[in-house]
N, C-alpha and C. Protein backbone atom coordinates (compact mmCIF):
# COMPACT_ATOMS: atom_id res chain seq x y z
N UNK A 1 29.47 22.27 -16.16
CA UNK A 1 28.70 21.05 -16.17
C UNK A 1 27.31 21.30 -15.60
N UNK A 2 26.32 20.80 -16.26
CA UNK A 2 24.95 20.97 -15.78
C UNK A 2 24.55 19.78 -14.91
N UNK A 3 23.84 20.09 -13.85
CA UNK A 3 23.26 19.03 -13.04
C UNK A 3 21.92 18.67 -13.66
N UNK A 4 21.86 17.50 -14.25
CA UNK A 4 20.60 17.09 -14.87
C UNK A 4 19.80 16.27 -13.86
N UNK A 5 18.60 16.70 -13.66
CA UNK A 5 17.71 16.00 -12.75
C UNK A 5 16.87 15.03 -13.57
N UNK A 6 16.87 13.80 -13.14
CA UNK A 6 16.12 12.78 -13.85
C UNK A 6 14.62 13.02 -13.71
N UNK A 7 13.91 12.84 -14.80
CA UNK A 7 12.45 12.96 -14.77
C UNK A 7 11.79 11.63 -14.43
N UNK A 8 12.60 10.59 -14.30
CA UNK A 8 12.10 9.27 -13.95
C UNK A 8 11.75 9.25 -12.46
N UNK A 9 10.48 9.04 -12.10
CA UNK A 9 10.10 9.06 -10.69
C UNK A 9 10.70 7.92 -9.88
N UNK A 10 11.20 6.90 -10.55
CA UNK A 10 11.80 5.77 -9.85
C UNK A 10 13.32 5.89 -9.75
N UNK A 11 13.87 6.98 -10.25
CA UNK A 11 15.32 7.18 -10.24
C UNK A 11 15.85 7.15 -8.80
N UNK A 12 16.80 6.28 -8.55
CA UNK A 12 17.42 6.20 -7.24
C UNK A 12 16.69 5.31 -6.24
N UNK A 13 15.59 4.72 -6.64
CA UNK A 13 14.83 3.84 -5.75
C UNK A 13 15.06 2.40 -6.19
N UNK A 14 15.53 1.58 -5.28
CA UNK A 14 15.83 0.19 -5.63
C UNK A 14 14.55 -0.63 -5.68
N UNK A 15 14.63 -1.72 -6.40
CA UNK A 15 13.50 -2.64 -6.48
C UNK A 15 13.17 -3.19 -5.09
N UNK A 16 14.18 -3.43 -4.30
CA UNK A 16 13.95 -3.93 -2.95
C UNK A 16 13.16 -2.91 -2.12
N UNK A 17 13.51 -1.65 -2.22
CA UNK A 17 12.79 -0.61 -1.48
C UNK A 17 11.33 -0.52 -1.95
N UNK A 18 11.13 -0.60 -3.27
CA UNK A 18 9.78 -0.58 -3.83
C UNK A 18 8.96 -1.74 -3.26
N UNK A 19 9.52 -2.92 -3.30
CA UNK A 19 8.80 -4.11 -2.83
C UNK A 19 8.54 -4.05 -1.33
N UNK A 20 9.52 -3.63 -0.55
CA UNK A 20 9.34 -3.53 0.90
C UNK A 20 8.24 -2.51 1.23
N UNK A 21 8.19 -1.42 0.50
CA UNK A 21 7.17 -0.41 0.72
C UNK A 21 5.78 -0.95 0.41
N UNK A 22 5.65 -1.65 -0.71
CA UNK A 22 4.36 -2.22 -1.10
C UNK A 22 3.90 -3.30 -0.12
N UNK A 23 4.83 -4.14 0.33
CA UNK A 23 4.48 -5.19 1.28
C UNK A 23 4.05 -4.58 2.62
N UNK A 24 4.74 -3.53 3.04
CA UNK A 24 4.37 -2.87 4.29
C UNK A 24 2.99 -2.22 4.18
N UNK A 25 2.68 -1.69 3.03
CA UNK A 25 1.41 -0.98 2.84
C UNK A 25 0.24 -1.95 2.60
N UNK A 26 0.44 -2.92 1.71
CA UNK A 26 -0.64 -3.82 1.32
C UNK A 26 -0.56 -5.21 1.97
N UNK A 27 0.64 -5.71 2.18
CA UNK A 27 0.83 -7.10 2.60
C UNK A 27 0.85 -8.01 1.38
N UNK A 28 1.43 -9.18 1.52
CA UNK A 28 1.54 -10.10 0.39
C UNK A 28 0.17 -10.58 -0.11
N UNK A 29 -0.77 -10.79 0.81
CA UNK A 29 -2.10 -11.27 0.40
C UNK A 29 -2.76 -10.30 -0.57
N UNK A 30 -2.76 -9.04 -0.21
CA UNK A 30 -3.39 -8.01 -1.06
C UNK A 30 -2.60 -7.83 -2.36
N UNK A 31 -1.27 -7.88 -2.28
CA UNK A 31 -0.45 -7.77 -3.50
C UNK A 31 -0.77 -8.90 -4.47
N UNK A 32 -0.97 -10.10 -3.94
CA UNK A 32 -1.29 -11.26 -4.79
C UNK A 32 -2.63 -11.07 -5.49
N UNK A 33 -3.55 -10.35 -4.85
CA UNK A 33 -4.84 -10.07 -5.48
C UNK A 33 -4.70 -9.00 -6.56
N UNK A 34 -3.85 -8.03 -6.32
CA UNK A 34 -3.69 -6.90 -7.23
C UNK A 34 -2.83 -7.25 -8.44
N UNK A 35 -1.78 -8.04 -8.20
CA UNK A 35 -0.88 -8.47 -9.27
C UNK A 35 -0.77 -9.98 -9.16
N UNK A 36 -1.25 -10.68 -10.16
CA UNK A 36 -1.27 -12.14 -10.11
C UNK A 36 0.12 -12.69 -10.44
N UNK A 37 0.89 -12.83 -9.40
CA UNK A 37 2.25 -13.39 -9.51
C UNK A 37 2.37 -14.45 -8.42
N UNK A 38 2.79 -15.62 -8.79
CA UNK A 38 2.86 -16.75 -7.87
C UNK A 38 3.75 -16.46 -6.65
N UNK A 39 4.82 -15.70 -6.85
CA UNK A 39 5.74 -15.45 -5.73
C UNK A 39 5.10 -14.57 -4.65
N UNK A 40 3.96 -13.94 -4.94
CA UNK A 40 3.24 -13.17 -3.94
C UNK A 40 2.22 -14.02 -3.19
N UNK A 41 1.81 -15.14 -3.79
CA UNK A 41 0.74 -15.94 -3.19
C UNK A 41 1.22 -17.26 -2.58
N UNK A 42 2.29 -17.82 -3.10
CA UNK A 42 2.79 -19.10 -2.61
C UNK A 42 4.14 -18.91 -1.92
N UNK A 43 4.14 -19.12 -0.61
CA UNK A 43 5.37 -18.95 0.17
C UNK A 43 6.04 -17.60 -0.10
N UNK A 44 5.35 -16.51 0.08
CA UNK A 44 5.91 -15.21 -0.28
C UNK A 44 7.04 -14.77 0.65
N UNK A 45 8.04 -14.16 0.06
CA UNK A 45 9.13 -13.53 0.81
C UNK A 45 9.72 -12.44 -0.07
N UNK A 46 10.37 -11.50 0.56
CA UNK A 46 11.02 -10.43 -0.19
C UNK A 46 12.09 -11.02 -1.10
N UNK A 47 12.88 -11.94 -0.56
CA UNK A 47 14.00 -12.51 -1.33
C UNK A 47 13.51 -13.24 -2.58
N UNK A 48 12.52 -14.12 -2.44
CA UNK A 48 12.04 -14.88 -3.61
C UNK A 48 11.36 -13.96 -4.61
N UNK A 49 10.65 -12.96 -4.11
CA UNK A 49 9.98 -12.01 -5.00
C UNK A 49 11.00 -11.19 -5.78
N UNK A 50 12.06 -10.74 -5.11
CA UNK A 50 13.10 -9.97 -5.79
C UNK A 50 13.77 -10.80 -6.88
N UNK A 51 14.04 -12.06 -6.58
CA UNK A 51 14.66 -12.94 -7.57
C UNK A 51 13.80 -13.05 -8.81
N UNK A 52 12.50 -13.25 -8.62
CA UNK A 52 11.58 -13.36 -9.75
C UNK A 52 11.47 -12.04 -10.51
N UNK A 53 11.28 -10.95 -9.79
CA UNK A 53 11.07 -9.66 -10.43
C UNK A 53 12.30 -9.18 -11.21
N UNK A 54 13.47 -9.53 -10.74
CA UNK A 54 14.70 -9.13 -11.46
C UNK A 54 14.84 -9.87 -12.79
N UNK A 55 14.24 -11.05 -12.88
CA UNK A 55 14.34 -11.85 -14.10
C UNK A 55 13.16 -11.65 -15.05
N UNK A 56 12.08 -11.05 -14.56
CA UNK A 56 10.85 -10.99 -15.33
C UNK A 56 10.41 -9.54 -15.51
N UNK A 57 10.68 -9.00 -16.68
CA UNK A 57 10.45 -7.57 -16.94
C UNK A 57 8.99 -7.17 -16.81
N UNK A 58 8.05 -7.99 -17.34
CA UNK A 58 6.64 -7.62 -17.29
C UNK A 58 6.13 -7.53 -15.85
N UNK A 59 6.61 -8.43 -15.00
CA UNK A 59 6.17 -8.43 -13.60
C UNK A 59 6.76 -7.22 -12.86
N UNK A 60 8.03 -6.94 -13.14
CA UNK A 60 8.66 -5.78 -12.51
C UNK A 60 7.94 -4.49 -12.91
N UNK A 61 7.56 -4.41 -14.16
CA UNK A 61 6.85 -3.21 -14.64
C UNK A 61 5.52 -3.04 -13.89
N UNK A 62 4.80 -4.12 -13.68
CA UNK A 62 3.53 -4.05 -12.95
C UNK A 62 3.75 -3.59 -11.51
N UNK A 63 4.80 -4.09 -10.88
CA UNK A 63 5.10 -3.71 -9.50
C UNK A 63 5.48 -2.24 -9.44
N UNK A 64 6.30 -1.79 -10.38
CA UNK A 64 6.71 -0.38 -10.41
C UNK A 64 5.50 0.53 -10.65
N UNK A 65 4.60 0.14 -11.54
CA UNK A 65 3.40 0.94 -11.80
C UNK A 65 2.50 1.01 -10.56
N UNK A 66 2.36 -0.09 -9.86
CA UNK A 66 1.56 -0.10 -8.64
C UNK A 66 2.21 0.82 -7.59
N UNK A 67 3.51 0.78 -7.49
CA UNK A 67 4.23 1.64 -6.54
C UNK A 67 3.95 3.11 -6.84
N UNK A 68 4.02 3.49 -8.11
CA UNK A 68 3.78 4.88 -8.49
C UNK A 68 2.34 5.30 -8.20
N UNK A 69 1.40 4.38 -8.39
CA UNK A 69 -0.01 4.69 -8.09
C UNK A 69 -0.26 4.77 -6.58
N UNK A 70 0.53 4.04 -5.80
CA UNK A 70 0.34 3.97 -4.36
C UNK A 70 0.99 5.14 -3.63
N UNK A 71 2.06 5.70 -4.17
CA UNK A 71 2.78 6.78 -3.50
C UNK A 71 1.88 7.91 -2.99
N UNK A 72 0.99 8.44 -3.81
CA UNK A 72 0.14 9.54 -3.31
C UNK A 72 -0.75 9.13 -2.13
N UNK A 73 -1.15 7.87 -2.07
CA UNK A 73 -2.01 7.39 -0.99
C UNK A 73 -1.25 7.32 0.34
N UNK A 74 0.05 7.11 0.26
CA UNK A 74 0.86 6.92 1.46
C UNK A 74 1.24 8.24 2.12
N UNK A 75 1.07 9.34 1.43
CA UNK A 75 1.49 10.62 2.01
C UNK A 75 0.45 11.25 2.86
């Protein structure tokens, strides 16, 4: 059996971990400026944001793309 390593950079990283990392790095105010999503600007919380992002593919994609762009800056 071959051990196949995923080429997906998000493999094994949960949406919650992605969001927590972005909030810790940017804060909800800056996230709301970067990605125009109401759950980041009005009464923001990890829980409400996760609920929205799990249901909305386009928003989740934007958050994942921002996470990938931010990773090199955090190292």
